[in-house]
Each structure stands twice: as structure tokens, then as C-alpha cells.
Amino acid sequence: MAMAQSSCNVSVPDNKFHPVYYMSRKTSETESKYTTFQLEVLAVIEALKHFPVYLLGIPFKLITDCNAFKQTMSKKDVCHKIALWVLTLEEINNNIDHRPHSRLLHVEALSRHPV
């Protein structure tokens, strides 16, 4: 089954979200076997690869609809793959905020119909 990832980089100069960059892609055959949680973390890693100019070295808020994402960042017992991703995420200066799926429909649309 083909799956996809998506992310959106936004600017908030006036307390309103303004899209700066959108990204979506189909998952590989191997990635399509990942758990939902692993795909959520991978989407963040991919976004960091696509948006380094906008994100690295700058404080930002990571908004996700995956509630387990924030909790996992503080866990000590995770699989090897997730541990490597957590190390990558610890290198950036950010805070993580959970938003309900219903408030992130623009990103959901990209993952359902990758470009």
C-alpha cells in the first residue's frame, strides 16, 4: 500500500500562520511497513532535511497531530531507529506542540495526495 508524508513550514509574524514551504512525498517500500508513529517521526526528520535554511539554529515550534511524539522524546527505552531520530531532533532548538488532526487538514491533504 502506498503511503505518503507531508509537512508545512510556516511563518507567524502577526500571530497568523503564513505558509512558506510545503513538502510531500511517497514513502518507500520499506517505509510503508513502518508503524504510524515511526512515519510521524520520519516526517519530522524529512522536514528538517527540506527546510534547513528556515529551521536550523533558529528556535521554532514543532506542531504535530501525533500525541505520542512529544512523549517519546522523553522516553529512555525506544527502538534503535527511533533513538537515532531522537538524537537528531535533540540537536535542534525547538519545542513540540500537539494539535488535533482536525486542525492540521492542510498537511493531511498533502499526505493523502503527495506531489
PDB file of N, CA and C in Angstrom:
ATOM      1  N   MET A   1       0.836  -1.181   0.000  1.00  0.00           N
ATOM      2  CA  MET A   1       0.000   0.000   0.000  1.00  0.00           C
ATOM      3  C   MET A   1       0.878   1.240   0.000  1.00  0.00           C
ATOM      4  N   ALA A   2       0.661   2.145  -0.925  1.00  0.00           N
ATOM      5  CA  ALA A   2       1.436   3.382  -0.996  1.00  0.00           C
ATOM      6  C   ALA A   2       0.969   4.339   0.090  1.00  0.00           C
ATOM      7  N   MET A   3       1.926   4.927   0.773  1.00  0.00           N
ATOM      8  CA  MET A   3       1.624   5.908   1.807  1.00  0.00           C
ATOM      9  C   MET A   3       2.430   7.147   1.484  1.00  0.00           C
ATOM     10  N   ALA A   4       2.183   8.211   2.219  1.00  0.00           N
ATOM     11  CA  ALA A   4       2.901   9.450   1.955  1.00  0.00           C
ATOM     12  C   ALA A   4       3.153  10.201   3.252  1.00  0.00           C
ATOM     13  N   GLN A   5       4.080  11.150   3.164  1.00  0.00           N
ATOM     14  CA  GLN A   5       4.398  12.037   4.273  1.00  0.00           C
ATOM     15  C   GLN A   5       4.210  13.455   3.780  1.00  0.00           C
ATOM     16  N   SER A   6       3.961  14.348   4.701  1.00  0.00           N
ATOM     17  CA  SER A   6       3.863  15.745   4.309  1.00  0.00           C
ATOM     18  C   SER A   6       4.255  16.628   5.473  1.00  0.00           C
ATOM     19  N   SER A   7       4.624  17.850   5.150  1.00  0.00           N
ATOM     20  CA  SER A   7       4.927  18.843   6.169  1.00  0.00           C
ATOM     21  C   SER A   7       4.735  20.221   5.571  1.00  0.00           C
ATOM     22  N   CYS A   8       4.622  21.172   6.443  1.00  0.00           N
ATOM     23  CA  CYS A   8       4.412  22.550   6.017  1.00  0.00           C
ATOM     24  C   CYS A   8       5.241  23.441   6.923  1.00  0.00           C
ATOM     25  N   ASN A   9       6.036  24.305   6.352  1.00  0.00           N
ATOM     26  CA  ASN A   9       6.817  25.269   7.105  1.00  0.00           C
ATOM     27  C   ASN A   9       6.057  26.586   7.042  1.00  0.00           C
ATOM     28  N   VAL A  10       5.788  27.175   8.195  1.00  0.00           N
ATOM     29  CA  VAL A  10       5.016  28.417   8.221  1.00  0.00           C
ATOM     30  C   VAL A  10       5.735  29.489   9.016  1.00  0.00           C
ATOM     31  N   SER A  11       5.408  30.715   8.700  1.00  0.00           N
ATOM     32  CA  SER A  11       5.913  31.872   9.420  1.00  0.00           C
ATOM     33  C   SER A  11       4.741  32.477  10.190  1.00  0.00           C
ATOM     34  N   VAL A  12       5.015  33.026  11.377  1.00  0.00           N
ATOM     35  CA  VAL A  12       3.944  33.579  12.200  1.00  0.00           C
ATOM     36  C   VAL A  12       4.319  34.990  12.669  1.00  0.00           C
ATOM     37  N   PRO A  13       4.513  35.930  11.738  1.00  0.00           N
ATOM     38  CA  PRO A  13       4.940  37.263  12.153  1.00  0.00           C
ATOM     39  C   PRO A  13       3.856  38.071  12.868  1.00  0.00           C
ATOM     40  N   ASP A  14       2.602  37.811  12.572  1.00  0.00           N
ATOM     41  CA  ASP A  14       1.492  38.584  13.141  1.00  0.00           C
ATOM     42  C   ASP A  14       0.502  37.687  13.882  1.00  0.00           C
ATOM     43  N   ASN A  15       1.024  36.611  14.473  1.00  0.00           N
ATOM     44  CA  ASN A  15       0.206  35.602  15.163  1.00  0.00           C
ATOM     45  C   ASN A  15      -0.784  34.900  14.247  1.00  0.00           C
ATOM     46  N   LYS A  16      -0.519  34.915  12.951  1.00  0.00           N
ATOM     47  CA  LYS A  16      -1.301  34.164  11.972  1.00  0.00           C
ATOM     48  C   LYS A  16      -0.329  33.305  11.186  1.00  0.00           C
ATOM     49  N   PHE A  17      -0.752  32.091  10.855  1.00  0.00           N
ATOM     50  CA  PHE A  17       0.105  31.184  10.107  1.00  0.00           C
ATOM     51  C   PHE A  17       0.140  31.577   8.636  1.00  0.00           C
ATOM     52  N   HIS A  18       1.351  31.708   8.100  1.00  0.00           N
ATOM     53  CA  HIS A  18       1.558  32.004   6.685  1.00  0.00           C
ATOM     54  C   HIS A  18       2.460  30.919   6.106  1.00  0.00           C
ATOM     55  N   PRO A  19       1.974  30.115   5.157  1.00  0.00           N
ATOM     56  CA  PRO A  19       2.816  29.058   4.577  1.00  0.00           C
ATOM     57  C   PRO A  19       4.051  29.640   3.896  1.00  0.00           C
ATOM     58  N   VAL A  20       5.177  29.011   4.136  1.00  0.00           N
ATOM     59  CA  VAL A  20       6.428  29.380   3.485  1.00  0.00           C
ATOM     60  C   VAL A  20       6.822  28.296   2.491  1.00  0.00           C
ATOM     61  N   TYR A  21       6.573  27.045   2.856  1.00  0.00           N
ATOM     62  CA  TYR A  21       7.036  25.924   2.052  1.00  0.00           C
ATOM     63  C   TYR A  21       6.192  24.696   2.382  1.00  0.00           C
ATOM     64  N   TYR A  22       5.819  23.954   1.353  1.00  0.00           N
ATOM     65  CA  TYR A  22       5.117  22.681   1.536  1.00  0.00           C
ATOM     66  C   TYR A  22       5.999  21.557   1.007  1.00  0.00           C
ATOM     67  N   MET A  23       5.893  20.384   1.611  1.00  0.00           N
ATOM     68  CA  MET A  23       6.649  19.234   1.149  1.00  0.00           C
ATOM     69  C   MET A  23       5.781  17.995   1.308  1.00  0.00           C
ATOM     70  N   SER A  24       5.797  17.135   0.302  1.00  0.00           N
ATOM     71  CA  SER A  24       5.159  15.826   0.439  1.00  0.00           C
ATOM     72  C   SER A  24       5.907  14.844  -0.443  1.00  0.00           C
ATOM     73  N   ARG A  25       5.847  13.586  -0.066  1.00  0.00           N
ATOM     74  CA  ARG A  25       6.481  12.548  -0.872  1.00  0.00           C
ATOM     75  C   ARG A  25       5.859  11.208  -0.530  1.00  0.00           C
ATOM     76  N   LYS A  26       5.964  10.278  -1.472  1.00  0.00           N
ATOM     77  CA  LYS A  26       5.504   8.916  -1.212  1.00  0.00           C
ATOM     78  C   LYS A  26       6.557   8.197  -0.386  1.00  0.00           C
ATOM     79  N   THR A  27       6.118   7.307   0.453  1.00  0.00           N
ATOM     80  CA  THR A  27       7.062   6.518   1.231  1.00  0.00           C
ATOM     81  C   THR A  27       7.651   5.417   0.353  1.00  0.00           C
ATOM     82  N   SER A  28       8.846   4.996   0.726  1.00  0.00           N
ATOM     83  CA  SER A  28       9.469   3.884   0.015  1.00  0.00           C
ATOM     84  C   SER A  28       8.766   2.585   0.413  1.00  0.00           C
ATOM     85  N   GLU A  29       9.104   1.509  -0.267  1.00  0.00           N
ATOM     86  CA  GLU A  29       8.506   0.212   0.063  1.00  0.00           C
ATOM     87  C   GLU A  29       8.826  -0.176   1.505  1.00  0.00           C
ATOM     88  N   THR A  30      10.060   0.063   1.920  1.00  0.00           N
ATOM     89  CA  THR A  30      10.461  -0.243   3.296  1.00  0.00           C
ATOM     90  C   THR A  30       9.715   0.643   4.284  1.00  0.00           C
ATOM     91  N   GLU A  31       9.650   1.949   4.000  1.00  0.00           N
ATOM     92  CA  GLU A  31       8.978   2.885   4.900  1.00  0.00           C
ATOM     93  C   GLU A  31       7.488   2.588   5.033  1.00  0.00           C
ATOM     94  N   SER A  32       6.884   2.036   3.995  1.00  0.00           N
ATOM     95  CA  SER A  32       5.448   1.746   4.054  1.00  0.00           C
ATOM     96  C   SER A  32       5.125   0.662   5.089  1.00  0.00           C
ATOM     97  N   LYS A  33       6.153  -0.025   5.576  1.00  0.00           N
ATOM     98  CA  LYS A  33       5.968  -1.046   6.610  1.00  0.00           C
ATOM     99  C   LYS A  33       6.148  -0.473   8.020  1.00  0.00           C
ATOM    100  N   TYR A  34       6.532   0.795   8.123  1.00  0.00           N
ATOM    101  CA  TYR A  34       6.728   1.436   9.422  1.00  0.00           C
ATOM    102  C   TYR A  34       5.393   1.583  10.141  1.00  0.00           C
ATOM    103  N   THR A  35       5.464   1.679  11.463  1.00  0.00           N
ATOM    104  CA  THR A  35       4.264   1.974  12.248  1.00  0.00           C
ATOM    105  C   THR A  35       3.869   3.428  12.002  1.00  0.00           C
ATOM    106  N   THR A  36       2.652   3.760  12.364  1.00  0.00           N
ATOM    107  CA  THR A  36       2.186   5.143  12.204  1.00  0.00           C
ATOM    108  C   THR A  36       3.095   6.100  12.953  1.00  0.00           C
ATOM    109  N   PHE A  37       3.474   5.724  14.168  1.00  0.00           N
ATOM    110  CA  PHE A  37       4.352   6.583  14.955  1.00  0.00           C
ATOM    111  C   PHE A  37       5.697   6.792  14.264  1.00  0.00           C
ATOM    112  N   GLN A  38       6.292   5.717  13.733  1.00  0.00           N
ATOM    113  CA  GLN A  38       7.574   5.842  13.041  1.00  0.00           C
ATOM    114  C   GLN A  38       7.445   6.763  11.833  1.00  0.00           C
ATOM    115  N   LEU A  39       6.336   6.680  11.127  1.00  0.00           N
ATOM    116  CA  LEU A  39       6.118   7.564   9.981  1.00  0.00           C
ATOM    117  C   LEU A  39       5.993   9.019  10.420  1.00  0.00           C
ATOM    118  N   GLU A  40       5.372   9.258  11.567  1.00  0.00           N
ATOM    119  CA  GLU A  40       5.253  10.627  12.081  1.00  0.00           C
ATOM    120  C   GLU A  40       6.635  11.202  12.389  1.00  0.00           C
ATOM    121  N   VAL A  41       7.478  10.411  13.049  1.00  0.00           N
ATOM    122  CA  VAL A  41       8.829  10.880  13.375  1.00  0.00           C
ATOM    123  C   VAL A  41       9.639  11.074  12.099  1.00  0.00           C
ATOM    124  N   LEU A  42       9.531  10.145  11.167  1.00  0.00           N
ATOM    125  CA  LEU A  42      10.249  10.262   9.902  1.00  0.00           C
ATOM    126  C   LEU A  42       9.830  11.522   9.147  1.00  0.00           C
ATOM    127  N   ALA A  43       8.560  11.880   9.200  1.00  0.00           N
ATOM    128  CA  ALA A  43       8.093  13.099   8.531  1.00  0.00           C
ATOM    129  C   ALA A  43       8.798  14.331   9.091  1.00  0.00           C
ATOM    130  N   VAL A  44       9.022  14.353  10.392  1.00  0.00           N
ATOM    131  CA  VAL A  44       9.736  15.480  11.002  1.00  0.00           C
ATOM    132  C   VAL A  44      11.187  15.496  10.539  1.00  0.00           C
ATOM    133  N   ILE A  45      11.829  14.334  10.525  1.00  0.00           N
ATOM    134  CA  ILE A  45      13.218  14.247  10.062  1.00  0.00           C
ATOM    135  C   ILE A  45      13.319  14.727   8.614  1.00  0.00           C
ATOM    136  N   GLU A  46      12.404  14.296   7.766  1.00  0.00           N
ATOM    137  CA  GLU A  46      12.404  14.716   6.359  1.00  0.00           C
ATOM    138  C   GLU A  46      12.185  16.219   6.239  1.00  0.00           C
ATOM    139  N   ALA A  47      11.308  16.777   7.059  1.00  0.00           N
ATOM    140  CA  ALA A  47      11.073  18.223   7.027  1.00  0.00           C
ATOM    141  C   ALA A  47      12.348  18.978   7.386  1.00  0.00           C
ATOM    142  N   LEU A  48      13.084  18.484   8.367  1.00  0.00           N
ATOM    143  CA  LEU A  48      14.344  19.134   8.740  1.00  0.00           C
ATOM    144  C   LEU A  48      15.339  19.106   7.590  1.00  0.00           C
ATOM    145  N   LYS A  49      15.322  18.030   6.807  1.00  0.00           N
ATOM    146  CA  LYS A  49      16.207  17.939   5.642  1.00  0.00           C
ATOM    147  C   LYS A  49      15.788  18.923   4.554  1.00  0.00           C
ATOM    148  N   HIS A  50      14.475  19.145   4.413  1.00  0.00           N
ATOM    149  CA  HIS A  50      13.977  20.019   3.352  1.00  0.00           C
ATOM    150  C   HIS A  50      13.986  21.500   3.726  1.00  0.00           C
ATOM    151  N   PHE A  51      13.910  21.818   5.014  1.00  0.00           N
ATOM    152  CA  PHE A  51      13.801  23.208   5.447  1.00  0.00           C
ATOM    153  C   PHE A  51      14.987  23.692   6.282  1.00  0.00           C
ATOM    154  N   PRO A  52      16.218  23.266   6.050  1.00  0.00           N
ATOM    155  CA  PRO A  52      17.298  23.635   6.972  1.00  0.00           C
ATOM    156  C   PRO A  52      17.522  25.143   7.072  1.00  0.00           C
ATOM    157  N   VAL A  53      17.364  25.850   5.991  1.00  0.00           N
ATOM    158  CA  VAL A  53      17.584  27.299   5.998  1.00  0.00           C
ATOM    159  C   VAL A  53      16.615  27.990   6.955  1.00  0.00           C
ATOM    160  N   TYR A  54      15.410  27.462   7.047  1.00  0.00           N
ATOM    161  CA  TYR A  54      14.384  28.075   7.879  1.00  0.00           C
ATOM    162  C   TYR A  54      14.411  27.602   9.329  1.00  0.00           C
ATOM    163  N   LEU A  55      15.043  26.457   9.597  1.00  0.00           N
ATOM    164  CA  LEU A  55      14.897  25.841  10.915  1.00  0.00           C
ATOM    165  C   LEU A  55      16.168  25.724  11.741  1.00  0.00           C
ATOM    166  N   LEU A  56      17.270  25.362  11.132  1.00  0.00           N
ATOM    167  CA  LEU A  56      18.473  25.074  11.912  1.00  0.00           C
ATOM    168  C   LEU A  56      19.044  26.332  12.554  1.00  0.00           C
ATOM    169  N   GLY A  57      19.280  26.265  13.849  1.00  0.00           N
ATOM    170  CA  GLY A  57      19.846  27.380  14.590  1.00  0.00           C
ATOM    171  C   GLY A  57      18.836  28.438  14.989  1.00  0.00           C
ATOM    172  N   ILE A  58      17.571  28.217  14.684  1.00  0.00           N
ATOM    173  CA  ILE A  58      16.525  29.190  14.988  1.00  0.00           C
ATOM    174  C   ILE A  58      15.474  28.506  15.860  1.00  0.00           C
ATOM    175  N   PRO A  59      15.084  29.111  16.981  1.00  0.00           N
ATOM    176  CA  PRO A  59      14.027  28.493  17.788  1.00  0.00           C
ATOM    177  C   PRO A  59      12.723  28.417  16.986  1.00  0.00           C
ATOM    178  N   PHE A  60      12.057  27.284  17.054  1.00  0.00           N
ATOM    179  CA  PHE A  60      10.785  27.134  16.361  1.00  0.00           C
ATOM    180  C   PHE A  60       9.915  26.151  17.118  1.00  0.00           C
ATOM    181  N   LYS A  61       8.648  26.170  16.797  1.00  0.00           N
ATOM    182  CA  LYS A  61       7.703  25.245  17.416  1.00  0.00           C
ATOM    183  C   LYS A  61       7.375  24.155  16.416  1.00  0.00           C
ATOM    184  N   LEU A  62       7.495  22.920  16.844  1.00  0.00           N
ATOM    185  CA  LEU A  62       7.136  21.766  16.036  1.00  0.00           C
ATOM    186  C   LEU A  62       5.704  21.384  16.395  1.00  0.00           C
ATOM    187  N   ILE A  63       4.799  21.483  15.425  1.00  0.00           N
ATOM    188  CA  ILE A  63       3.392  21.166  15.658  1.00  0.00           C
ATOM    189  C   ILE A  63       3.080  19.851  14.960  1.00  0.00           C
ATOM    190  N   THR A  64       2.539  18.908  15.706  1.00  0.00           N
ATOM    191  CA  THR A  64       2.236  17.587  15.172  1.00  0.00           C
ATOM    192  C   THR A  64       0.878  17.113  15.668  1.00  0.00           C
ATOM    193  N   ASP A  65       0.240  16.251  14.878  1.00  0.00           N
ATOM    194  CA  ASP A  65      -1.023  15.658  15.327  1.00  0.00           C
ATOM    195  C   ASP A  65      -0.787  14.315  16.016  1.00  0.00           C
ATOM    196  N   CYS A  66       0.464  13.949  16.191  1.00  0.00           N
ATOM    197  CA  CYS A  66       0.819  12.679  16.837  1.00  0.00           C
ATOM    198  C   CYS A  66       1.128  12.943  18.315  1.00  0.00           C
ATOM    199  N   ASN A  67       0.179  12.653  19.179  1.00  0.00           N
ATOM    200  CA  ASN A  67       0.333  12.920  20.605  1.00  0.00           C
ATOM    201  C   ASN A  67       1.499  12.148  21.213  1.00  0.00           C
ATOM    202  N   ALA A  68       1.770  10.953  20.710  1.00  0.00           N
ATOM    203  CA  ALA A  68       2.857  10.128  21.243  1.00  0.00           C
ATOM    204  C   ALA A  68       4.230  10.709  20.923  1.00  0.00           C
ATOM    205  N   PHE A  69       4.307  11.571  19.926  1.00  0.00           N
ATOM    206  CA  PHE A  69       5.591  12.130  19.512  1.00  0.00           C
ATOM    207  C   PHE A  69       6.276  12.852  20.669  1.00  0.00           C
ATOM    208  N   LYS A  70       5.567  13.749  21.313  1.00  0.00           N
ATOM    209  CA  LYS A  70       6.137  14.525  22.414  1.00  0.00           C
ATOM    210  C   LYS A  70       6.548  13.615  23.570  1.00  0.00           C
ATOM    211  N   GLN A  71       5.724  12.627  23.881  1.00  0.00           N
ATOM    212  CA  GLN A  71       6.020  11.712  24.980  1.00  0.00           C
ATOM    213  C   GLN A  71       7.262  10.877  24.692  1.00  0.00           C
ATOM    214  N   THR A  72       7.438  10.466  23.457  1.00  0.00           N
ATOM    215  CA  THR A  72       8.576   9.621  23.095  1.00  0.00           C
ATOM    216  C   THR A  72       9.896  10.368  23.214  1.00  0.00           C
ATOM    217  N   MET A  73       9.873  11.662  22.989  1.00  0.00           N
ATOM    218  CA  MET A  73      11.103  12.440  23.070  1.00  0.00           C
ATOM    219  C   MET A  73      11.727  12.357  24.463  1.00  0.00           C
ATOM    220  N   SER A  74      10.942  12.052  25.474  1.00  0.00           N
ATOM    221  CA  SER A  74      11.484  11.962  26.829  1.00  0.00           C
ATOM    222  C   SER A  74      11.664  10.522  27.315  1.00  0.00           C
ATOM    223  N   LYS A  75      11.284   9.541  26.510  1.00  0.00           N
ATOM    224  CA  LYS A  75      11.448   8.136  26.902  1.00  0.00           C
ATOM    225  C   LYS A  75      12.907   7.711  26.794  1.00  0.00           C
ATOM    226  N   LYS A  76      13.286   6.766  27.627  1.00  0.00           N
ATOM    227  CA  LYS A  76      14.647   6.243  27.577  1.00  0.00           C
ATOM    228  C   LYS A  76      14.709   4.896  26.860  1.00  0.00           C
ATOM    229  N   ASP A  77      13.600   4.201  26.755  1.00  0.00           N
ATOM    230  CA  ASP A  77      13.578   2.871  26.159  1.00  0.00           C
ATOM    231  C   ASP A  77      12.813   2.894  24.831  1.00  0.00           C
ATOM    232  N   VAL A  78      13.544   3.170  23.746  1.00  0.00           N
ATOM    233  CA  VAL A  78      12.941   3.176  22.409  1.00  0.00           C
ATOM    234  C   VAL A  78      13.800   2.317  21.482  1.00  0.00           C
ATOM    235  N   CYS A  79      13.232   1.901  20.358  1.00  0.00           N
ATOM    236  CA  CYS A  79      13.998   1.073  19.419  1.00  0.00           C
ATOM    237  C   CYS A  79      15.158   1.884  18.835  1.00  0.00           C
ATOM    238  N   HIS A  80      16.116   1.184  18.270  1.00  0.00           N
ATOM    239  CA  HIS A  80      17.339   1.803  17.760  1.00  0.00           C
ATOM    240  C   HIS A  80      17.048   2.906  16.740  1.00  0.00           C
ATOM    241  N   LYS A  81      16.166   2.628  15.800  1.00  0.00           N
ATOM    242  CA  LYS A  81      15.847   3.594  14.751  1.00  0.00           C
ATOM    243  C   LYS A  81      15.289   4.887  15.346  1.00  0.00           C
ATOM    244  N   ILE A  82      14.353   4.758  16.275  1.00  0.00           N
ATOM    245  CA  ILE A  82      13.750   5.931  16.913  1.00  0.00           C
ATOM    246  C   ILE A  82      14.793   6.660  17.755  1.00  0.00           C
ATOM    247  N   ALA A  83      15.671   5.919  18.431  1.00  0.00           N
ATOM    248  CA  ALA A  83      16.719   6.543  19.241  1.00  0.00           C
ATOM    249  C   ALA A  83      17.616   7.428  18.380  1.00  0.00           C
ATOM    250  N   LEU A  84      17.961   6.965  17.186  1.00  0.00           N
ATOM    251  CA  LEU A  84      18.781   7.783  16.283  1.00  0.00           C
ATOM    252  C   LEU A  84      18.038   9.045  15.859  1.00  0.00           C
ATOM    253  N   TRP A  85      16.755   8.898  15.579  1.00  0.00           N
ATOM    254  CA  TRP A  85      15.963  10.068  15.187  1.00  0.00           C
ATOM    255  C   TRP A  85      15.828  11.048  16.349  1.00  0.00           C
ATOM    256  N   VAL A  86      15.657  10.530  17.576  1.00  0.00           N
ATOM    257  CA  VAL A  86      15.560  11.395  18.752  1.00  0.00           C
ATOM    258  C   VAL A  86      16.850  12.184  18.918  1.00  0.00           C
ATOM    259  N   LEU A  87      17.994  11.536  18.712  1.00  0.00           N
ATOM    260  CA  LEU A  87      19.275  12.248  18.793  1.00  0.00           C
ATOM    261  C   LEU A  87      19.340  13.372  17.769  1.00  0.00           C
ATOM    262  N   THR A  88      18.857  13.112  16.567  1.00  0.00           N
ATOM    263  CA  THR A  88      18.829  14.149  15.534  1.00  0.00           C
ATOM    264  C   THR A  88      17.957  15.310  15.981  1.00  0.00           C
ATOM    265  N   LEU A  89      16.806  15.013  16.534  1.00  0.00           N
ATOM    266  CA  LEU A  89      15.874  16.058  16.954  1.00  0.00           C
ATOM    267  C   LEU A  89      16.381  16.835  18.162  1.00  0.00           C
ATOM    268  N   GLU A  90      17.188  16.201  19.012  1.00  0.00           N
ATOM    269  CA  GLU A  90      17.733  16.898  20.174  1.00  0.00           C
ATOM    270  C   GLU A  90      18.745  17.961  19.777  1.00  0.00           C
ATOM    271  N   GLU A  91      19.304  17.851  18.576  1.00  0.00           N
ATOM    272  CA  GLU A  91      20.294  18.818  18.112  1.00  0.00           C
ATOM    273  C   GLU A  91      19.666  20.151  17.728  1.00  0.00           C
ATOM    274  N   ILE A  92      18.374  20.181  17.551  1.00  0.00           N
ATOM    275  CA  ILE A  92      17.716  21.417  17.138  1.00  0.00           C
ATOM    276  C   ILE A  92      17.034  22.060  18.334  1.00  0.00           C
ATOM    277  N   ASN A  93      16.909  23.363  18.275  1.00  0.00           N
ATOM    278  CA  ASN A  93      16.284  24.114  19.355  1.00  0.00           C
ATOM    279  C   ASN A  93      14.804  24.280  19.031  1.00  0.00           C
ATOM    280  N   ASN A  94      13.963  23.509  19.672  1.00  0.00           N
ATOM    281  CA  ASN A  94      12.533  23.603  19.371  1.00  0.00           C
ATOM    282  C   ASN A  94      11.710  23.214  20.575  1.00  0.00           C
ATOM    283  N   ASN A  95      10.432  23.469  20.485  1.00  0.00           N
ATOM    284  CA  ASN A  95       9.507  22.880  21.443  1.00  0.00           C
ATOM    285  C   ASN A  95       8.400  22.217  20.638  1.00  0.00           C
ATOM    286  N   ILE A  96       7.807  21.195  21.216  1.00  0.00           N
ATOM    287  CA  ILE A  96       6.839  20.370  20.492  1.00  0.00           C
ATOM    288  C   ILE A  96       5.440  20.647  21.027  1.00  0.00           C
ATOM    289  N   ASP A  97       4.513  20.862  20.113  1.00  0.00           N
ATOM    290  CA  ASP A  97       3.131  21.156  20.469  1.00  0.00           C
ATOM    291  C   ASP A  97       2.212  20.183  19.733  1.00  0.00           C
ATOM    292  N   HIS A  98       1.265  19.604  20.454  1.00  0.00           N
ATOM    293  CA  HIS A  98       0.300  18.695  19.829  1.00  0.00           C
ATOM    294  C   HIS A  98      -0.931  19.485  19.413  1.00  0.00           C
ATOM    295  N   ARG A  99      -1.388  19.242  18.193  1.00  0.00           N
ATOM    296  CA  ARG A  99      -2.645  19.810  17.704  1.00  0.00           C
ATOM    297  C   ARG A  99      -3.504  18.663  17.205  1.00  0.00           C
ATOM    298  N   PRO A 100      -4.797  18.737  17.425  1.00  0.00           N
ATOM    299  CA  PRO A 100      -5.674  17.678  16.910  1.00  0.00           C
ATOM    300  C   PRO A 100      -5.588  17.592  15.392  1.00  0.00           C
ATOM    301  N   HIS A 101      -5.778  16.405  14.910  1.00  0.00           N
ATOM    302  CA  HIS A 101      -5.759  16.138  13.469  1.00  0.00           C
ATOM    303  C   HIS A 101      -6.657  17.117  12.711  1.00  0.00           C
ATOM    304  N   SER A 102      -7.789  17.444  13.286  1.00  0.00           N
ATOM    305  CA  SER A 102      -8.758  18.324  12.618  1.00  0.00           C
ATOM    306  C   SER A 102      -8.236  19.738  12.410  1.00  0.00           C
ATOM    307  N   ARG A 103      -7.171  20.124  13.117  1.00  0.00           N
ATOM    308  CA  ARG A 103      -6.611  21.468  12.955  1.00  0.00           C
ATOM    309  C   ARG A 103      -5.408  21.488  12.016  1.00  0.00           C
ATOM    310  N   LEU A 104      -5.069  20.337  11.440  1.00  0.00           N
ATOM    311  CA  LEU A 104      -3.924  20.251  10.530  1.00  0.00           C
ATOM    312  C   LEU A 104      -4.342  19.663   9.187  1.00  0.00           C
ATOM    313  N   LEU A 105      -5.505  20.014   8.725  1.00  0.00           N
ATOM    314  CA  LEU A 105      -6.038  19.424   7.494  1.00  0.00           C
ATOM    315  C   LEU A 105      -5.208  19.767   6.261  1.00  0.00           C
ATOM    316  N   HIS A 106      -4.550  20.928   6.251  1.00  0.00           N
ATOM    317  CA  HIS A 106      -3.720  21.300   5.103  1.00  0.00           C
ATOM    318  C   HIS A 106      -2.561  20.319   4.924  1.00  0.00           C
ATOM    319  N   VAL A 107      -1.976  19.864   6.013  1.00  0.00           N
ATOM    320  CA  VAL A 107      -0.883  18.892   5.938  1.00  0.00           C
ATOM    321  C   VAL A 107      -1.437  17.507   5.615  1.00  0.00           C
ATOM    322  N   GLU A 108      -2.571  17.181   6.190  1.00  0.00           N
ATOM    323  CA  GLU A 108      -3.213  15.890   5.915  1.00  0.00           C
ATOM    324  C   GLU A 108      -3.523  15.748   4.429  1.00  0.00           C
ATOM    325  N   ALA A 109      -3.977  16.814   3.806  1.00  0.00           N
ATOM    326  CA  ALA A 109      -4.296  16.765   2.374  1.00  0.00           C
ATOM    327  C   ALA A 109      -3.059  16.419   1.551  1.00  0.00           C
ATOM    328  N   LEU A 110      -1.912  16.958   1.934  1.00  0.00           N
ATOM    329  CA  LEU A 110      -0.672  16.655   1.214  1.00  0.00           C
ATOM    330  C   LEU A 110      -0.271  15.195   1.374  1.00  0.00           C
ATOM    331  N   SER A 111      -0.488  14.627   2.554  1.00  0.00           N
ATOM    332  CA  SER A 111      -0.090  13.230   2.748  1.00  0.00           C
ATOM    333  C   SER A 111      -1.042  12.271   2.040  1.00  0.00           C
ATOM    334  N   ARG A 112      -2.275  12.678   1.839  1.00  0.00           N
ATOM    335  CA  ARG A 112      -3.236  11.835   1.113  1.00  0.00           C
ATOM    336  C   ARG A 112      -3.032  11.915  -0.398  1.00  0.00           C
ATOM    337  N   HIS A 113      -2.485  13.039  -0.860  1.00  0.00           N
ATOM    338  CA  HIS A 113      -2.274  13.262  -2.294  1.00  0.00           C
ATOM    339  C   HIS A 113      -0.878  13.844  -2.513  1.00  0.00           C
ATOM    340  N   PRO A 114       0.192  13.047  -2.333  1.00  0.00           N
ATOM    341  CA  PRO A 114       1.557  13.575  -2.451  1.00  0.00           C
ATOM    342  C   PRO A 114       1.850  14.070  -3.858  1.00  0.00           C
ATOM    343  N   VAL A 115       2.668  15.093  -3.931  1.00  0.00           N
ATOM    344  CA  VAL A 115       3.074  15.651  -5.226  1.00  0.00           C
ATOM    345  C   VAL A 115       4.503  15.277  -5.538  1.00  0.00           C
TER     346      VAL A 115
END
